[in-house]
Amino acid sequence: MIVVGENSYVTRQELIDYAAARGITVADAAETDVLLILANDFLETYDGRFVGSRAEAGQSQAWPRQGAIIRGFEMPDDEVPVLVEQVQMEIALDINAGVDVYNRTDRQHVTRERVDGAVEVAYAEPNVVSARIQQSKALMILRQLTGGKMINLERR
C-alpha cells in the first residue's frame, strides 16, 4: 500500500472509490499503486508552476505549500488540498485508460491551411469531443493549482 506523503497524495482505496463513483473499475492490486506513482511523478513536474511555495524545504513532494490561494481561499500550509488529490486521481485514470500524459494526442494537428479570401483548415484526424473533454479534466484542475497559468500537456 502506498504511504501518503512519500510518492502519492492518495491511497489505493481512495483511487478505487473515486473511480467507482465515476463508473470506472480499478483493481485492488499493486498495479493501481503503480498508476498512482506514475500520476504523482507527472503531477510533480508542475512543482515550479504551482501557486505558493513548499511549506518546508525538505519535504518530498510539492504539497503542502504556503501562500497557496486556490479558488479564492488561502490553503493551510500543513494540508494537501482536495484538488491536488483529485488531479492525481484524474491523471491516474487517464494513464489507466492508455493516455500518454506526457504526449497527449487529443489535439488535432493541422495538415493543410489555405487562405484565398476564405480560410480553409484540414485536420489530421476527426474531432472526438467526448475523448477531448475526458482527457482535459486533469488539465482544468491543474490550471486552478497553478493560479490559472496556461499549461501545455504536450512535449515538443
C-alpha atoms as a PDB file:
ATOM      1  CA  MET A   1       0.000   0.000   0.000  1.00  0.00           C
ATOM      2  CA  ILE A   2       1.213   3.495  -0.781  1.00  0.00           C
ATOM      3  CA  VAL A   3       2.208   5.635   2.179  1.00  0.00           C
ATOM      4  CA  VAL A   4       0.552   9.013   1.649  1.00  0.00           C
ATOM      5  CA  GLY A   5       3.201  11.714   1.588  1.00  0.00           C
ATOM      6  CA  GLU A   6       6.012   9.617   0.125  1.00  0.00           C
ATOM      7  CA  ASN A   7       5.076   9.005  -3.513  1.00  0.00           C
ATOM      8  CA  SER A   8       1.363   9.682  -3.644  1.00  0.00           C
ATOM      9  CA  TYR A   9      -1.167  12.118  -2.244  1.00  0.00           C
ATOM     10  CA  VAL A  10      -3.876   9.449  -2.105  1.00  0.00           C
ATOM     11  CA  THR A  11      -4.198   5.788  -1.216  1.00  0.00           C
ATOM     12  CA  ARG A  12      -5.112   2.907  -3.470  1.00  0.00           C
ATOM     13  CA  GLN A  13      -8.544   2.682  -1.818  1.00  0.00           C
ATOM     14  CA  GLU A  14      -9.212   6.381  -2.409  1.00  0.00           C
ATOM     15  CA  LEU A  15      -8.498   5.910  -6.126  1.00  0.00           C
ATOM     16  CA  ILE A  16     -10.681   2.792  -6.261  1.00  0.00           C
ATOM     17  CA  ASP A  17     -13.562   4.677  -4.619  1.00  0.00           C
ATOM     18  CA  TYR A  18     -13.071   7.786  -6.795  1.00  0.00           C
ATOM     19  CA  ALA A  19     -13.046   5.675  -9.958  1.00  0.00           C
ATOM     20  CA  ALA A  20     -16.061   3.598  -8.884  1.00  0.00           C
ATOM     21  CA  ALA A  21     -18.087   6.770  -8.288  1.00  0.00           C
ATOM     22  CA  ARG A  22     -17.448   7.575 -11.962  1.00  0.00           C
ATOM     23  CA  GLY A  23     -18.300   4.115 -13.263  1.00  0.00           C
ATOM     24  CA  ILE A  24     -14.680   3.039 -13.722  1.00  0.00           C
ATOM     25  CA  THR A  25     -13.242  -0.131 -12.230  1.00  0.00           C
ATOM     26  CA  VAL A  26      -9.708  -0.003 -10.884  1.00  0.00           C
ATOM     27  CA  ALA A  27      -8.144  -3.166  -9.466  1.00  0.00           C
ATOM     28  CA  ASP A  28      -7.330  -3.525  -5.790  1.00  0.00           C
ATOM     29  CA  ALA A  29      -3.796  -4.592  -6.718  1.00  0.00           C
ATOM     30  CA  ALA A  30      -0.213  -3.408  -6.905  1.00  0.00           C
ATOM     31  CA  GLU A  31      -0.837  -2.192 -10.480  1.00  0.00           C
ATOM     32  CA  THR A  32      -3.077   0.517  -9.045  1.00  0.00           C
ATOM     33  CA  ASP A  33      -0.250   1.661  -6.795  1.00  0.00           C
ATOM     34  CA  VAL A  34       1.905   1.986  -9.909  1.00  0.00           C
ATOM     35  CA  LEU A  35      -0.801   4.137 -11.553  1.00  0.00           C
ATOM     36  CA  LEU A  36      -0.738   6.453  -8.549  1.00  0.00           C
ATOM     37  CA  ILE A  37       3.052   6.672  -8.553  1.00  0.00           C
ATOM     38  CA  LEU A  38       3.139   7.454 -12.288  1.00  0.00           C
ATOM     39  CA  ALA A  39       0.394  10.052 -11.849  1.00  0.00           C
ATOM     40  CA  ASN A  40       2.289  11.569  -8.936  1.00  0.00           C
ATOM     41  CA  ASP A  41       5.507  11.670 -10.958  1.00  0.00           C
ATOM     42  CA  PHE A  42       3.703  13.605 -13.692  1.00  0.00           C
ATOM     43  CA  LEU A  43       1.983  15.923 -11.231  1.00  0.00           C
ATOM     44  CA  GLU A  44       5.275  16.723  -9.503  1.00  0.00           C
ATOM     45  CA  THR A  45       6.720  18.027 -12.790  1.00  0.00           C
ATOM     46  CA  TYR A  46       4.484  21.084 -12.221  1.00  0.00           C
ATOM     47  CA  ASP A  47       6.085  21.923  -8.857  1.00  0.00           C
ATOM     48  CA  GLY A  48       7.581  25.168 -10.165  1.00  0.00           C
ATOM     49  CA  ARG A  49       4.222  26.300 -11.568  1.00  0.00           C
ATOM     50  CA  PHE A  50       2.063  25.643  -8.526  1.00  0.00           C
ATOM     51  CA  VAL A  51       0.814  28.624  -6.519  1.00  0.00           C
ATOM     52  CA  GLY A  52       2.687  29.364  -3.305  1.00  0.00           C
ATOM     53  CA  SER A  53       5.889  27.668  -2.236  1.00  0.00           C
ATOM     54  CA  ARG A  54       6.729  24.437  -0.441  1.00  0.00           C
ATOM     55  CA  ALA A  55       5.821  24.554   3.236  1.00  0.00           C
ATOM     56  CA  GLU A  56       9.184  23.049   4.239  1.00  0.00           C
ATOM     57  CA  ALA A  57      12.470  22.906   2.362  1.00  0.00           C
ATOM     58  CA  GLY A  58      12.997  19.183   2.871  1.00  0.00           C
ATOM     59  CA  GLN A  59       9.546  17.864   2.011  1.00  0.00           C
ATOM     60  CA  SER A  60       9.494  15.067  -0.554  1.00  0.00           C
ATOM     61  CA  GLN A  61       6.574  16.393  -2.631  1.00  0.00           C
ATOM     62  CA  ALA A  62       5.346  19.762  -3.875  1.00  0.00           C
ATOM     63  CA  TRP A  63       2.381  19.908  -1.479  1.00  0.00           C
ATOM     64  CA  PRO A  64       1.552  21.155   1.108  1.00  0.00           C
ATOM     65  CA  ARG A  65       2.504  24.727   0.226  1.00  0.00           C
ATOM     66  CA  GLN A  66       2.480  28.049   1.987  1.00  0.00           C
ATOM     67  CA  GLY A  67       0.811  31.064   0.437  1.00  0.00           C
ATOM     68  CA  ALA A  68      -1.261  28.921  -1.936  1.00  0.00           C
ATOM     69  CA  ILE A  69      -4.565  30.582  -2.793  1.00  0.00           C
ATOM     70  CA  ILE A  70      -6.975  28.268  -4.597  1.00  0.00           C
ATOM     71  CA  ARG A  71     -10.476  29.307  -5.616  1.00  0.00           C
ATOM     72  CA  GLY A  72     -10.050  32.490  -3.587  1.00  0.00           C
ATOM     73  CA  PHE A  73      -9.082  30.784  -0.330  1.00  0.00           C
ATOM     74  CA  GLU A  74      -5.655  30.511   1.242  1.00  0.00           C
ATOM     75  CA  MET A  75      -4.817  26.874   1.842  1.00  0.00           C
ATOM     76  CA  PRO A  76      -3.397  25.798   5.211  1.00  0.00           C
ATOM     77  CA  ASP A  77       0.336  25.159   4.897  1.00  0.00           C
ATOM     78  CA  ASP A  78       0.005  21.780   6.601  1.00  0.00           C
ATOM     79  CA  GLU A  79      -2.671  20.267   4.340  1.00  0.00           C
ATOM     80  CA  VAL A  80      -2.785  18.891   0.820  1.00  0.00           C
ATOM     81  CA  PRO A  81      -5.755  20.499  -0.983  1.00  0.00           C
ATOM     82  CA  VAL A  82      -8.501  18.200  -2.224  1.00  0.00           C
ATOM     83  CA  LEU A  83      -7.833  19.486  -5.753  1.00  0.00           C
ATOM     84  CA  VAL A  84      -4.313  18.053  -5.624  1.00  0.00           C
ATOM     85  CA  GLU A  85      -5.700  14.657  -4.681  1.00  0.00           C
ATOM     86  CA  GLN A  86      -8.365  14.921  -7.370  1.00  0.00           C
ATOM     87  CA  VAL A  87      -5.929  15.830 -10.129  1.00  0.00           C
ATOM     88  CA  GLN A  88      -3.625  12.951  -9.179  1.00  0.00           C
ATOM     89  CA  MET A  89      -6.554  10.550  -9.405  1.00  0.00           C
ATOM     90  CA  GLU A  90      -7.675  12.025 -12.754  1.00  0.00           C
ATOM     91  CA  ILE A  91      -4.162  11.616 -14.136  1.00  0.00           C
ATOM     92  CA  ALA A  92      -4.081   8.027 -12.814  1.00  0.00           C
ATOM     93  CA  LEU A  93      -7.373   7.314 -14.582  1.00  0.00           C
ATOM     94  CA  ASP A  94      -6.008   8.813 -17.803  1.00  0.00           C
ATOM     95  CA  ILE A  95      -2.938   6.571 -17.558  1.00  0.00           C
ATOM     96  CA  ASN A  96      -5.191   3.590 -16.782  1.00  0.00           C
ATOM     97  CA  ALA A  97      -7.162   4.385 -19.959  1.00  0.00           C
ATOM     98  CA  GLY A  98      -3.972   4.298 -22.016  1.00  0.00           C
ATOM     99  CA  VAL A  99      -3.373   8.039 -22.320  1.00  0.00           C
ATOM    100  CA  ASP A 100       0.282   9.051 -22.591  1.00  0.00           C
ATOM    101  CA  VAL A 101       0.086  12.084 -20.314  1.00  0.00           C
ATOM    102  CA  TYR A 102       3.462  13.363 -21.491  1.00  0.00           C
ATOM    103  CA  ASN A 103       2.466  13.167 -25.167  1.00  0.00           C
ATOM    104  CA  ARG A 104      -1.264  13.686 -25.342  1.00  0.00           C
ATOM    105  CA  THR A 105      -2.747  13.055 -28.755  1.00  0.00           C
ATOM    106  CA  ASP A 106      -6.146  14.613 -28.105  1.00  0.00           C
ATOM    107  CA  ARG A 107      -5.241  17.729 -30.094  1.00  0.00           C
ATOM    108  CA  GLN A 108      -5.750  17.733 -33.804  1.00  0.00           C
ATOM    109  CA  HIS A 109      -2.784  18.514 -35.991  1.00  0.00           C
ATOM    110  CA  VAL A 110      -3.276  20.816 -38.937  1.00  0.00           C
ATOM    111  CA  THR A 111      -2.303  19.117 -42.188  1.00  0.00           C
ATOM    112  CA  ARG A 112      -3.317  21.908 -44.544  1.00  0.00           C
ATOM    113  CA  GLU A 113      -4.233  25.597 -44.367  1.00  0.00           C
ATOM    114  CA  ARG A 114      -5.217  27.781 -47.280  1.00  0.00           C
ATOM    115  CA  VAL A 115      -6.128  31.448 -47.438  1.00  0.00           C
ATOM    116  CA  ASP A 116      -7.553  32.834 -50.694  1.00  0.00           C
ATOM    117  CA  GLY A 117     -10.215  35.094 -49.282  1.00  0.00           C
ATOM    118  CA  ALA A 118     -11.778  32.275 -47.299  1.00  0.00           C
ATOM    119  CA  VAL A 119      -9.847  30.289 -44.704  1.00  0.00           C
ATOM    120  CA  GLU A 120      -9.612  26.537 -45.159  1.00  0.00           C
ATOM    121  CA  VAL A 121      -8.211  24.233 -42.472  1.00  0.00           C
ATOM    122  CA  ALA A 122      -7.881  20.440 -42.618  1.00  0.00           C
ATOM    123  CA  TYR A 123      -7.135  18.295 -39.584  1.00  0.00           C
ATOM    124  CA  ALA A 124      -5.190  15.053 -39.398  1.00  0.00           C
ATOM    125  CA  GLU A 125      -7.966  13.128 -37.677  1.00  0.00           C
ATOM    126  CA  PRO A 126     -11.630  13.709 -36.871  1.00  0.00           C
ATOM    127  CA  ASN A 127     -12.587  15.710 -33.807  1.00  0.00           C
ATOM    128  CA  VAL A 128     -13.632  13.404 -30.969  1.00  0.00           C
ATOM    129  CA  VAL A 129     -15.265  15.774 -28.490  1.00  0.00           C
ATOM    130  CA  SER A 130     -16.031  13.248 -25.748  1.00  0.00           C
ATOM    131  CA  ALA A 131     -12.441  11.984 -25.597  1.00  0.00           C
ATOM    132  CA  ARG A 132     -11.074  15.533 -25.535  1.00  0.00           C
ATOM    133  CA  ILE A 133     -13.331  16.515 -22.631  1.00  0.00           C
ATOM    134  CA  GLN A 134     -12.447  13.438 -20.589  1.00  0.00           C
ATOM    135  CA  GLN A 135      -8.719  13.825 -21.186  1.00  0.00           C
ATOM    136  CA  SER A 136      -8.693  17.508 -20.330  1.00  0.00           C
ATOM    137  CA  LYS A 137     -10.290  17.217 -16.858  1.00  0.00           C
ATOM    138  CA  ALA A 138      -6.883  16.911 -15.202  1.00  0.00           C
ATOM    139  CA  LEU A 139      -5.706  19.943 -17.192  1.00  0.00           C
ATOM    140  CA  MET A 140      -8.622  22.039 -15.929  1.00  0.00           C
ATOM    141  CA  ILE A 141      -7.795  21.125 -12.337  1.00  0.00           C
ATOM    142  CA  LEU A 142      -4.080  21.770 -12.861  1.00  0.00           C
ATOM    143  CA  ARG A 143      -4.908  25.290 -14.053  1.00  0.00           C
ATOM    144  CA  GLN A 144      -6.531  26.011 -10.692  1.00  0.00           C
ATOM    145  CA  LEU A 145      -3.436  24.764  -8.864  1.00  0.00           C
ATOM    146  CA  THR A 146      -1.125  26.945 -10.950  1.00  0.00           C
ATOM    147  CA  GLY A 147      -3.086  30.151 -10.497  1.00  0.00           C
ATOM    148  CA  GLY A 148      -4.648  29.913 -13.957  1.00  0.00           C
ATOM    149  CA  LYS A 149      -1.337  29.855 -15.821  1.00  0.00           C
ATOM    150  CA  MET A 150      -1.651  28.197 -19.189  1.00  0.00           C
ATOM    151  CA  ILE A 151      -0.300  24.665 -19.116  1.00  0.00           C
ATOM    152  CA  ASN A 152       0.649  22.736 -22.205  1.00  0.00           C
ATOM    153  CA  LEU A 153       0.386  18.986 -21.674  1.00  0.00           C
ATOM    154  CA  GLU A 154       2.257  18.175 -24.842  1.00  0.00           C
ATOM    155  CA  ARG A 155       6.020  17.732 -25.040  1.00  0.00           C
ATOM    156  CA  ARG A 156       7.506  19.480 -28.050  1.00  0.00           C
END
